[in-house]
PDB file of N, CA and C in Angstrom:
ATOM      1  N   MET A   1     176.620 -14.986 159.788  1.00  0.00           N
ATOM      2  CA  MET A   1     177.028 -13.763 158.664  1.00  0.00           C
ATOM      3  C   MET A   1     175.940 -12.926 157.736  1.00  0.00           C
ATOM      4  N   THR A   2     177.100 -11.589 158.257  1.00  0.00           N
ATOM      5  CA  THR A   2     177.043 -10.908 157.596  1.00  0.00           C
ATOM      6  C   THR A   2     177.139 -10.263 156.369  1.00  0.00           C
ATOM      7  N   ILE A   3     176.628 -10.020 155.565  1.00  0.00           N
ATOM      8  CA  ILE A   3     176.941  -9.513 153.980  1.00  0.00           C
ATOM      9  C   ILE A   3     178.211  -8.084 153.780  1.00  0.00           C
ATOM     10  N   LEU A   4     176.893  -7.277 154.921  1.00  0.00           N
ATOM     11  CA  LEU A   4     177.966  -5.872 154.791  1.00  0.00           C
ATOM     12  C   LEU A   4     178.303  -5.814 156.687  1.00  0.00           C
ATOM     13  N   ARG A   5     179.149  -5.444 156.745  1.00  0.00           N
ATOM     14  CA  ARG A   5     179.908  -5.519 157.976  1.00  0.00           C
ATOM     15  C   ARG A   5     180.015  -3.531 158.911  1.00  0.00           C
ATOM     16  N   PRO A   6     179.282  -3.565 160.002  1.00  0.00           N
ATOM     17  CA  PRO A   6     178.630  -2.644 160.325  1.00  0.00           C
ATOM     18  C   PRO A   6     179.702  -1.073 159.560  1.00  0.00           C
ATOM     19  N   HIS A   7     181.446  -1.334 159.900  1.00  0.00           N
ATOM     20  CA  HIS A   7     182.692  -0.414 160.088  1.00  0.00           C
ATOM     21  C   HIS A   7     182.245  -0.156 158.879  1.00  0.00           C
ATOM     22  N   LEU A   8     181.325   0.217 157.989  1.00  0.00           N
ATOM     23  CA  LEU A   8     181.862   0.013 156.247  1.00  0.00           C
ATOM     24  C   LEU A   8     181.424   1.527 156.272  1.00  0.00           C
ATOM     25  N   ASN A   9     181.718   2.269 155.650  1.00  0.00           N
ATOM     26  CA  ASN A   9     180.942   3.340 155.499  1.00  0.00           C
ATOM     27  C   ASN A   9     180.089   3.483 154.966  1.00  0.00           C
ATOM     28  N   TRP A  10     179.221   4.852 154.378  1.00  0.00           N
ATOM     29  CA  TRP A  10     177.619   4.951 153.276  1.00  0.00           C
ATOM     30  C   TRP A  10     179.560   5.547 151.957  1.00  0.00           C
ATOM     31  N   LYS A  11     180.689   5.801 152.051  1.00  0.00           N
ATOM     32  CA  LYS A  11     181.342   6.049 150.959  1.00  0.00           C
ATOM     33  C   LYS A  11     181.835   4.339 150.607  1.00  0.00           C
ATOM     34  N   THR A  12     182.486   3.360 151.358  1.00  0.00           N
ATOM     35  CA  THR A  12     182.343   2.488 150.616  1.00  0.00           C
ATOM     36  C   THR A  12     180.899   1.771 149.650  1.00  0.00           C
ATOM     37  N   LEU A  13     179.765   1.710 150.346  1.00  0.00           N
ATOM     38  CA  LEU A  13     178.994   1.143 150.246  1.00  0.00           C
ATOM     39  C   LEU A  13     178.130   1.994 149.263  1.00  0.00           C
ATOM     40  N   ALA A  14     178.243   3.567 148.533  1.00  0.00           N
ATOM     41  CA  ALA A  14     178.127   4.087 147.683  1.00  0.00           C
ATOM     42  C   ALA A  14     178.968   2.850 146.258  1.00  0.00           C
ATOM     43  N   VAL A  15     180.298   3.128 146.134  1.00  0.00           N
ATOM     44  CA  VAL A  15     181.414   3.085 145.889  1.00  0.00           C
ATOM     45  C   VAL A  15     180.718   1.242 144.704  1.00  0.00           C
ATOM     46  N   LEU A  16     180.664   0.668 146.283  1.00  0.00           N
ATOM     47  CA  LEU A  16     180.307  -0.684 145.944  1.00  0.00           C
ATOM     48  C   LEU A  16     179.175  -0.745 145.123  1.00  0.00           C
ATOM     49  N   THR A  17     178.049   0.193 145.054  1.00  0.00           N
ATOM     50  CA  THR A  17     176.203  -0.200 144.900  1.00  0.00           C
ATOM     51  C   THR A  17     176.806   0.263 142.887  1.00  0.00           C
ATOM     52  N   ILE A  18     177.481   1.460 142.776  1.00  0.00           N
ATOM     53  CA  ILE A  18     177.855   2.215 141.504  1.00  0.00           C
ATOM     54  C   ILE A  18     178.691   0.567 141.007  1.00  0.00           C
ATOM     55  N   ALA A  19     180.016  -0.027 141.453  1.00  0.00           N
ATOM     56  CA  ALA A  19     180.118  -0.942 141.331  1.00  0.00           C
ATOM     57  C   ALA A  19     179.612  -2.236 140.585  1.00  0.00           C
ATOM     58  N   VAL A  20     178.711  -2.765 141.319  1.00  0.00           N
ATOM     59  CA  VAL A  20     177.505  -3.915 140.986  1.00  0.00           C
ATOM     60  C   VAL A  20     176.853  -3.170 139.768  1.00  0.00           C
ATOM     61  N   ALA A  21     176.068  -2.101 139.975  1.00  0.00           N
ATOM     62  CA  ALA A  21     174.735  -1.280 139.373  1.00  0.00           C
ATOM     63  C   ALA A  21     175.605  -1.615 137.123  1.00  0.00           C
ATOM     64  N   VAL A  22     176.951  -1.447 137.419  1.00  0.00           N
ATOM     65  CA  VAL A  22     178.040  -1.381 136.278  1.00  0.00           C
ATOM     66  C   VAL A  22     178.200  -2.635 135.596  1.00  0.00           C
ATOM     67  N   LEU A  23     178.524  -2.958 135.997  1.00  0.00           N
ATOM     68  CA  LEU A  23     178.574  -4.764 136.049  1.00  0.00           C
ATOM     69  C   LEU A  23     177.593  -5.262 136.070  1.00  0.00           C
ATOM     70  N   ALA A  24     175.928  -4.743 135.871  1.00  0.00           N
ATOM     71  CA  ALA A  24     175.372  -5.691 135.495  1.00  0.00           C
ATOM     72  C   ALA A  24     174.815  -5.156 134.302  1.00  0.00           C
ATOM     73  N   LEU A  25     174.377  -3.766 134.134  1.00  0.00           N
ATOM     74  CA  LEU A  25     174.567  -2.958 132.584  1.00  0.00           C
ATOM     75  C   LEU A  25     175.337  -3.154 131.840  1.00  0.00           C
ATOM     76  N   SER A  26     176.481  -3.806 131.745  1.00  0.00           N
ATOM     77  CA  SER A  26     177.491  -4.686 131.112  1.00  0.00           C
ATOM     78  C   SER A  26     177.169  -6.392 130.519  1.00  0.00           C
ATOM     79  N   ILE A  27     176.644  -6.948 131.616  1.00  0.00           N
ATOM     80  CA  ILE A  27     176.450  -8.063 131.322  1.00  0.00           C
ATOM     81  C   ILE A  27     175.130  -8.319 129.982  1.00  0.00           C
ATOM     82  N   ARG A  28     174.069  -6.937 130.111  1.00  0.00           N
ATOM     83  CA  ARG A  28     172.664  -6.598 129.650  1.00  0.00           C
ATOM     84  C   ARG A  28     173.130  -6.945 128.885  1.00  0.00           C
ATOM     85  N   SER A  29     174.478  -6.013 128.364  1.00  0.00           N
ATOM     86  CA  SER A  29     174.661  -5.331 127.147  1.00  0.00           C
ATOM     87  C   SER A  29     174.841  -6.497 125.898  1.00  0.00           C
ATOM     88  N   VAL A  30     176.139  -7.044 126.634  1.00  0.00           N
ATOM     89  CA  VAL A  30     177.005  -8.090 125.934  1.00  0.00           C
ATOM     90  C   VAL A  30     175.509  -9.152 125.960  1.00  0.00           C
ATOM     91  N   SER A  31     174.451  -9.797 126.565  1.00  0.00           N
ATOM     92  CA  SER A  31     173.675 -10.574 125.652  1.00  0.00           C
ATOM     93  C   SER A  31     172.599  -9.878 125.291  1.00  0.00           C
ATOM     94  N   ALA A  32     172.503  -8.645 124.956  1.00  0.00           N
ATOM     95  CA  ALA A  32     171.881  -8.019 123.261  1.00  0.00           C
ATOM     96  C   ALA A  32     172.944  -8.543 122.475  1.00  0.00           C
ATOM     97  N   GLN A  33     174.201  -8.703 122.278  1.00  0.00           N
ATOM     98  CA  GLN A  33     174.900  -8.321 121.329  1.00  0.00           C
ATOM     99  C   GLN A  33     174.816  -9.433 120.814  1.00  0.00           C
ATOM    100  N   ASP A  34     175.033 -10.562 122.174  1.00  0.00           N
ATOM    101  CA  ASP A  34     174.266 -12.236 121.819  1.00  0.00           C
ATOM    102  C   ASP A  34     173.372 -12.143 121.062  1.00  0.00           C
ATOM    103  N   PHE A  35     172.648 -11.627 121.084  1.00  0.00           N
ATOM    104  CA  PHE A  35     170.743 -11.977 120.714  1.00  0.00           C
ATOM    105  C   PHE A  35     171.531 -11.404 119.073  1.00  0.00           C
ATOM    106  N   MET A  36     172.254 -10.216 119.158  1.00  0.00           N
ATOM    107  CA  MET A  36     171.784  -9.791 117.585  1.00  0.00           C
ATOM    108  C   MET A  36     172.806 -11.262 116.623  1.00  0.00           C
ATOM    109  N   GLU A  37     173.617 -11.427 117.657  1.00  0.00           N
ATOM    110  CA  GLU A  37     174.960 -12.021 116.238  1.00  0.00           C
ATOM    111  C   GLU A  37     173.895 -13.330 115.991  1.00  0.00           C
ATOM    112  N   ARG A  38     173.051 -14.230 117.299  1.00  0.00           N
ATOM    113  CA  ARG A  38     172.109 -15.121 116.691  1.00  0.00           C
ATOM    114  C   ARG A  38     171.003 -14.251 115.561  1.00  0.00           C
ATOM    115  N   SER A  39     170.632 -13.584 115.849  1.00  0.00           N
ATOM    116  CA  SER A  39     169.863 -13.941 114.475  1.00  0.00           C
ATOM    117  C   SER A  39     169.824 -12.944 113.215  1.00  0.00           C
ATOM    118  N   ARG A  40     171.209 -12.594 113.258  1.00  0.00           N
ATOM    119  CA  ARG A  40     172.367 -12.995 111.667  1.00  0.00           C
ATOM    120  C   ARG A  40     172.673 -14.020 111.690  1.00  0.00           C
ATOM    121  N   LYS A  41     172.885 -15.277 112.228  1.00  0.00           N
ATOM    122  CA  LYS A  41     173.245 -16.306 111.717  1.00  0.00           C
ATOM    123  C   LYS A  41     172.110 -17.195 111.202  1.00  0.00           C
ATOM    124  N   GLN A  42     170.982 -16.638 111.608  1.00  0.00           N
ATOM    125  CA  GLN A  42     169.818 -16.842 110.931  1.00  0.00           C
ATOM    126  C   GLN A  42     169.711 -17.447 110.020  1.00  0.00           C
ATOM    127  N   GLY A  43     170.112 -15.934 109.232  1.00  0.00           N
ATOM    128  CA  GLY A  43     169.522 -15.643 107.790  1.00  0.00           C
ATOM    129  C   GLY A  43     168.089 -15.053 106.859  1.00  0.00           C
ATOM    130  N   PRO A  44     168.019 -14.266 106.326  1.00  0.00           N
ATOM    131  CA  PRO A  44     167.060 -13.830 105.831  1.00  0.00           C
ATOM    132  C   PRO A  44     165.117 -14.733 106.711  1.00  0.00           C
ATOM    133  N   PRO A  45     164.306 -14.485 106.549  1.00  0.00           N
ATOM    134  CA  PRO A  45     163.223 -15.051 107.263  1.00  0.00           C
ATOM    135  C   PRO A  45     162.006 -15.961 105.743  1.00  0.00           C
ATOM    136  N   PRO A  46     162.178 -17.078 105.475  1.00  0.00           N
ATOM    137  CA  PRO A  46     161.616 -17.792 104.432  1.00  0.00           C
ATOM    138  C   PRO A  46     160.318 -16.808 103.367  1.00  0.00           C
ATOM    139  N   GLU A  47     160.776 -17.375 101.692  1.00  0.00           N
ATOM    140  CA  GLU A  47     159.909 -15.928 101.841  1.00  0.00           C
ATOM    141  C   GLU A  47     158.236 -16.811 101.000  1.00  0.00           C
ATOM    142  N   GLU A  48     157.436 -16.308 100.989  1.00  0.00           N
ATOM    143  CA  GLU A  48     156.049 -16.756 101.263  1.00  0.00           C
ATOM    144  C   GLU A  48     155.390 -16.694  99.919  1.00  0.00           C
ATOM    145  N   LYS A  49     155.184 -17.841  99.791  1.00  0.00           N
ATOM    146  CA  LYS A  49     154.729 -18.012  98.157  1.00  0.00           C
ATOM    147  C   LYS A  49     152.975 -17.600  98.132  1.00  0.00           C
ATOM    148  N   HIS A  50     152.692 -17.191  97.452  1.00  0.00           N
ATOM    149  CA  HIS A  50     151.246 -16.824  97.029  1.00  0.00           C
ATOM    150  C   HIS A  50     150.653 -17.022  96.092  1.00  0.00           C
ATOM    151  N   PRO A  51     149.609 -17.754  95.819  1.00  0.00           N
ATOM    152  CA  PRO A  51     149.716 -18.609  93.848  1.00  0.00           C
ATOM    153  C   PRO A  51     148.598 -17.375  93.330  1.00  0.00           C
ATOM    154  N   THR A  52     149.279 -16.919  91.987  1.00  0.00           N
ATOM    155  CA  THR A  52     149.333 -16.432  90.957  1.00  0.00           C
ATOM    156  C   THR A  52     147.313 -16.147  90.245  1.00  0.00           C
ATOM    157  N   VAL A  53     147.872 -15.192  89.918  1.00  0.00           N
ATOM    158  CA  VAL A  53     146.353 -15.201  89.809  1.00  0.00           C
ATOM    159  C   VAL A  53     146.362 -14.294  88.490  1.00  0.00           C
ATOM    160  N   SER A  54     145.880 -15.112  87.821  1.00  0.00           N
ATOM    161  CA  SER A  54     145.462 -14.351  86.022  1.00  0.00           C
ATOM    162  C   SER A  54     144.560 -12.770  85.769  1.00  0.00           C
ATOM    163  N   ASP A  55     145.301 -12.288  84.682  1.00  0.00           N
ATOM    164  CA  ASP A  55     144.079 -11.282  84.517  1.00  0.00           C
ATOM    165  C   ASP A  55     142.140 -11.552  84.064  1.00  0.00           C
ATOM    166  N   LYS A  56     142.658 -12.705  83.602  1.00  0.00           N
ATOM    167  CA  LYS A  56     140.742 -12.791  83.015  1.00  0.00           C
ATOM    168  C   LYS A  56     140.370 -13.520  84.310  1.00  0.00           C
ATOM    169  N   ASP A  57     140.438 -14.263  85.481  1.00  0.00           N
ATOM    170  CA  ASP A  57     140.071 -13.947  87.151  1.00  0.00           C
ATOM    171  C   ASP A  57     139.937 -12.933  87.366  1.00  0.00           C
ATOM    172  N   TYR A  58     140.955 -11.953  87.952  1.00  0.00           N
ATOM    173  CA  TYR A  58     141.045 -10.628  87.969  1.00  0.00           C
ATOM    174  C   TYR A  58     140.294  -9.963  87.510  1.00  0.00           C
ATOM    175  N   LYS A  59     139.376 -10.162  86.259  1.00  0.00           N
ATOM    176  CA  LYS A  59     138.583  -8.947  85.562  1.00  0.00           C
ATOM    177  C   LYS A  59     137.032 -10.085  85.926  1.00  0.00           C
ATOM    178  N   ALA A  60     136.904 -10.886  86.328  1.00  0.00           N
ATOM    179  CA  ALA A  60     135.905 -11.636  86.239  1.00  0.00           C
ATOM    180  C   ALA A  60     135.715 -11.296  88.025  1.00  0.00           C
ATOM    181  N   ALA A  61     136.167 -11.565  88.515  1.00  0.00           N
ATOM    182  CA  ALA A  61     136.271 -11.171  90.170  1.00  0.00           C
ATOM    183  C   ALA A  61     135.509 -10.146  90.484  1.00  0.00           C
ATOM    184  N   LEU A  62     136.039  -9.109  89.844  1.00  0.00           N
ATOM    185  CA  LEU A  62     135.575  -7.462  90.145  1.00  0.00           C
ATOM    186  C   LEU A  62     134.411  -7.342  89.688  1.00  0.00           C
ATOM    187  N   GLN A  63     134.254  -8.313  87.933  1.00  0.00           N
ATOM    188  CA  GLN A  63     132.660  -8.046  87.292  1.00  0.00           C
ATOM    189  C   GLN A  63     131.478  -8.465  87.681  1.00  0.00           C
ATOM    190  N   LYS A  64     131.773  -9.170  89.162  1.00  0.00           N
ATOM    191  CA  LYS A  64     130.826  -9.616  90.731  1.00  0.00           C
ATOM    192  C   LYS A  64     130.703  -8.826  91.127  1.00  0.00           C
ATOM    193  N   ILE A  65     131.083  -7.708  91.912  1.00  0.00           N
ATOM    194  CA  ILE A  65     131.226  -6.538  92.597  1.00  0.00           C
ATOM    195  C   ILE A  65     130.213  -5.633  92.161  1.00  0.00           C
ATOM    196  N   PRO A  66     128.717  -6.019  92.826  1.00  0.00           N
ATOM    197  CA  PRO A  66     127.465  -5.195  92.531  1.00  0.00           C
ATOM    198  C   PRO A  66     128.184  -3.233  92.681  1.00  0.00           C
ATOM    199  N   THR A  67     127.607  -2.627  92.026  1.00  0.00           N
ATOM    200  CA  THR A  67     127.590  -1.451  91.520  1.00  0.00           C
ATOM    201  C   THR A  67     127.141  -0.697  93.031  1.00  0.00           C
ATOM    202  N   PRO A  68     126.719   0.757  93.781  1.00  0.00           N
ATOM    203  CA  PRO A  68     126.229   0.723  94.849  1.00  0.00           C
ATOM    204  C   PRO A  68     125.585   1.619  94.190  1.00  0.00           C
ATOM    205  N   THR A  69     123.834   1.597  95.051  1.00  0.00           N
ATOM    206  CA  THR A  69     122.987   1.769  94.525  1.00  0.00           C
ATOM    207  C   THR A  69     122.922   4.092  94.287  1.00  0.00           C
ATOM    208  N   GLU A  70     123.727   4.162  96.180  1.00  0.00           N
ATOM    209  CA  GLU A  70     123.837   5.244  96.559  1.00  0.00           C
ATOM    210  C   GLU A  70     125.473   5.310  97.201  1.00  0.00           C
ATOM    211  N   LYS A  71     125.449   7.126  97.708  1.00  0.00           N
ATOM    212  CA  LYS A  71     126.995   7.606  97.653  1.00  0.00           C
ATOM    213  C   LYS A  71     127.063   6.430  98.356  1.00  0.00           C
ATOM    214  N   TYR A  72     128.500   6.954  98.986  1.00  0.00           N
ATOM    215  CA  TYR A  72     129.159   6.219 100.165  1.00  0.00           C
ATOM    216  C   TYR A  72     129.602   6.885 101.155  1.00  0.00           C
ATOM    217  N   ASP A  73     128.908   7.238 102.281  1.00  0.00           N
ATOM    218  CA  ASP A  73     129.414   8.335 103.608  1.00  0.00           C
ATOM    219  C   ASP A  73     129.644   7.663 104.609  1.00  0.00           C
ATOM    220  N   PRO A  74     130.923   7.918 104.437  1.00  0.00           N
ATOM    221  CA  PRO A  74     132.522   7.150 105.574  1.00  0.00           C
ATOM    222  C   PRO A  74     131.476   7.892 106.698  1.00  0.00           C
ATOM    223  N   TRP A  75     131.204   9.207 106.870  1.00  0.00           N
ATOM    224  CA  TRP A  75     130.639   9.705 108.765  1.00  0.00           C
ATOM    225  C   TRP A  75     129.770   9.477 109.038  1.00  0.00           C
ATOM    226  N   GLY A  76     128.774   9.094 107.837  1.00  0.00           N
ATOM    227  CA  GLY A  76     127.900   8.411 108.499  1.00  0.00           C
ATOM    228  C   GLY A  76     126.346   7.916 109.477  1.00  0.00           C
ATOM    229  N   GLY A  77     127.804   6.557 110.649  1.00  0.00           N
ATOM    230  CA  GLY A  77     127.809   5.968 112.031  1.00  0.00           C
ATOM    231  C   GLY A  77     127.507   7.475 111.809  1.00  0.00           C
ATOM    232  N   ALA A  78     129.189   8.516 112.080  1.00  0.00           N
ATOM    233  CA  ALA A  78     129.215   8.696 113.301  1.00  0.00           C
ATOM    234  C   ALA A  78     127.904  10.391 113.682  1.00  0.00           C
ATOM    235  N   ARG A  79     127.846  10.390 112.695  1.00  0.00           N
ATOM    236  CA  ARG A  79     126.001  11.311 112.625  1.00  0.00           C
ATOM    237  C   ARG A  79     124.674  10.836 112.711  1.00  0.00           C
ATOM    238  N   PRO A  80     123.536  11.326 112.977  1.00  0.00           N
ATOM    239  CA  PRO A  80     122.103  10.913 112.616  1.00  0.00           C
ATOM    240  C   PRO A  80     121.370  11.415 110.830  1.00  0.00           C
ATOM    241  N   ALA A  81     121.162  10.117 110.261  1.00  0.00           N
ATOM    242  CA  ALA A  81     120.515  10.224 109.000  1.00  0.00           C
ATOM    243  C   ALA A  81     120.190  11.268 108.885  1.00  0.00           C
ATOM    244  N   ASP A  82     119.143  11.755 109.579  1.00  0.00           N
ATOM    245  CA  ASP A  82     118.113  13.158 109.774  1.00  0.00           C
ATOM    246  C   ASP A  82     118.946  14.811 108.922  1.00  0.00           C
ATOM    247  N   GLN A  83     120.387  14.421 109.464  1.00  0.00           N
ATOM    248  CA  GLN A  83     120.780  15.948 109.955  1.00  0.00           C
ATOM    249  C   GLN A  83     121.526  15.931 108.470  1.00  0.00           C
ATOM    250  N   THR A  84     121.809  15.069 107.738  1.00  0.00           N
ATOM    251  CA  THR A  84     122.310  14.914 106.794  1.00  0.00           C
ATOM    252  C   THR A  84     121.593  15.392 105.026  1.00  0.00           C
ATOM    253  N   LYS A  85     119.860  15.380 105.773  1.00  0.00           N
ATOM    254  CA  LYS A  85     119.122  15.534 105.124  1.00  0.00           C
ATOM    255  C   LYS A  85     118.660  16.771 105.338  1.00  0.00           C
ATOM    256  N   VAL A  86     119.012  17.308 106.002  1.00  0.00           N
ATOM    257  CA  VAL A  86     118.436  19.056 106.386  1.00  0.00           C
ATOM    258  C   VAL A  86     119.840  20.045 106.222  1.00  0.00           C
ATOM    259  N   ALA A  87     120.967  18.852 105.879  1.00  0.00           N
ATOM    260  CA  ALA A  87     122.329  20.079 105.263  1.00  0.00           C
ATOM    261  C   ALA A  87     122.301  20.265 104.150  1.00  0.00           C
ATOM    262  N   LYS A  88     122.062  19.015 103.275  1.00  0.00           N
ATOM    263  CA  LYS A  88     122.047  18.728 101.813  1.00  0.00           C
ATOM    264  C   LYS A  88     120.250  19.774 101.015  1.00  0.00           C
ATOM    265  N   LYS A  89     119.751  20.012 102.813  1.00  0.00           N
ATOM    266  CA  LYS A  89     118.176  20.642 101.549  1.00  0.00           C
ATOM    267  C   LYS A  89     118.916  22.524 102.355  1.00  0.00           C
ATOM    268  N   SER A  90     119.492  22.949 102.816  1.00  0.00           N
ATOM    269  CA  SER A  90     119.872  24.347 103.514  1.00  0.00           C
ATOM    270  C   SER A  90     120.519  24.931 102.539  1.00  0.00           C
ATOM    271  N   ILE A  91     121.196  23.610 101.345  1.00  0.00           N
ATOM    272  CA  ILE A  91     122.372  24.790 100.764  1.00  0.00           C
ATOM    273  C   ILE A  91     122.266  24.675  99.687  1.00  0.00           C
TER     274      ILE A  91
END
């Protein structure tokens, strides 16, 4: 048993194809709407609880950070070190 009979012309096949496409798109949009409704019913995500830090502990942690001995060069890895010294002397 064949699904499409040989006497169907191209217009009938085009109409059937469009009907199937419209049906598939409508089913897909309904499933997206169901997904949105389910996500709304769940409520907001739980809040993360972070430990509180006192000012005293914060200042003590800042004191532990060593002061840099030379200036930081963010492009230091992109160019050789010799060019930086030559460029400073020529200026």
